Amino acid sequence: MNNAVVMDTLGWAGAVLYLIAYLLISLKKLEGDSPAYPGMNIAAGILLVINIFLPAHLSLARLERGLDRHRTFYTRKKMDFKKC
């Protein structure tokens, strides 16, 4: 099995685990102060963080960071223009 497929599967499992935890809380099958709920959230978070380390996702994160820099520069430039 391809490493990317494994990491994507772990990411999806983390997302599903978050949804299951939310569903159990909403249906009052699980208490928010029980150890199971934070445990499910922590496990889901770890699975999603593992998924982020997929090289394709890292490049998207770099792209988004670059777009944020561009937006910040454009916003500052636009604000300076209005002040003049």
Protein backbone atom coordinates (compact mmCIF):
# COMPACT_ATOMS: atom_id res chain seq x y z
CA MET A 1 0.00 0.00 0.00
CA ASN A 2 1.22 3.48 -0.87
CA ASN A 3 2.40 5.70 1.99
CA ALA A 4 0.17 8.56 0.79
CA VAL A 5 -2.89 6.29 0.90
CA VAL A 6 -2.09 5.25 4.46
CA MET A 7 -1.67 8.86 5.58
CA ASP A 8 -4.89 9.94 3.85
CA THR A 9 -6.74 7.04 5.48
CA LEU A 10 -5.41 8.07 8.90
CA GLY A 11 -6.57 11.64 8.27
CA TRP A 12 -10.04 10.52 7.28
CA ALA A 13 -10.18 8.26 10.34
CA GLY A 14 -9.33 11.27 12.52
CA ALA A 15 -12.09 13.36 10.93
CA VAL A 16 -14.61 10.54 11.39
CA LEU A 17 -13.51 10.11 15.00
CA TYR A 18 -14.19 13.82 15.66
CA LEU A 19 -17.66 13.43 14.16
CA ILE A 20 -18.39 10.30 16.18
CA ALA A 21 -17.34 12.06 19.39
CA TYR A 22 -19.59 15.00 18.55
CA LEU A 23 -22.48 12.67 17.69
CA LEU A 24 -22.12 10.78 20.97
CA ILE A 25 -22.14 14.02 22.94
CA SER A 26 -25.14 15.33 20.99
CA LEU A 27 -27.11 12.13 21.56
CA LYS A 28 -26.12 12.20 25.25
CA LYS A 29 -24.54 8.76 24.95
CA LEU A 30 -21.29 10.19 26.27
CA GLU A 31 -20.60 12.82 28.92
CA GLY A 32 -18.24 15.68 28.17
CA ASP A 33 -16.36 15.13 31.43
CA SER A 34 -15.85 11.41 30.87
CA PRO A 35 -12.31 10.31 29.93
CA ALA A 36 -13.54 8.85 26.64
CA TYR A 37 -14.52 12.19 25.08
CA PRO A 38 -11.18 14.00 25.45
CA GLY A 39 -9.45 10.74 24.54
CA MET A 40 -11.38 10.57 21.29
CA ASN A 41 -10.60 14.21 20.55
CA ILE A 42 -6.89 13.78 21.27
CA ALA A 43 -6.70 10.63 19.12
CA ALA A 44 -8.54 12.39 16.28
CA GLY A 45 -6.22 15.37 16.52
CA ILE A 46 -3.14 13.16 16.38
CA LEU A 47 -4.48 11.36 13.32
CA LEU A 48 -5.14 14.66 11.57
CA VAL A 49 -1.68 15.97 12.42
CA ILE A 50 -0.17 12.79 10.96
CA ASN A 51 -2.19 13.47 7.81
CA ILE A 52 -0.76 16.99 7.53
CA PHE A 53 2.75 15.58 7.11
CA LEU A 54 1.82 14.23 3.68
CA PRO A 55 4.15 16.12 1.28
CA ALA A 56 1.27 17.31 -0.92
CA HIS A 57 -0.42 18.90 2.08
CA LEU A 58 2.78 20.63 3.15
CA SER A 59 3.06 22.28 -0.25
CA LEU A 60 -0.53 23.49 0.04
CA ALA A 61 0.25 24.90 3.48
CA ARG A 62 3.22 26.78 2.01
CA LEU A 63 1.03 28.10 -0.81
CA GLU A 64 -1.62 29.30 1.64
CA ARG A 65 1.05 30.98 3.75
CA GLY A 66 2.30 32.80 0.66
CA LEU A 67 -1.22 33.91 -0.23
CA ASP A 68 -1.69 35.23 3.31
CA ARG A 69 1.47 37.30 2.97
CA HIS A 70 0.21 38.72 -0.32
CA ARG A 71 -3.19 39.54 1.20
CA THR A 72 -1.56 41.25 4.18
CA PHE A 73 0.68 43.35 1.94
CA TYR A 74 -2.23 44.29 -0.32
CA THR A 75 -4.43 45.20 2.65
CA ARG A 76 -1.71 47.38 4.20
CA LYS A 77 -1.08 49.08 0.89
CA LYS A 78 -4.79 49.71 0.43
CA MET A 79 -5.15 51.10 3.96
CA ASP A 80 -2.17 53.44 3.47
CA PHE A 81 -3.77 54.72 0.30
CA LYS A 82 -7.01 55.56 2.14
CA LYS A 83 -5.13 57.46 4.85
CA CYS A 84 -3.49 59.81 2.35
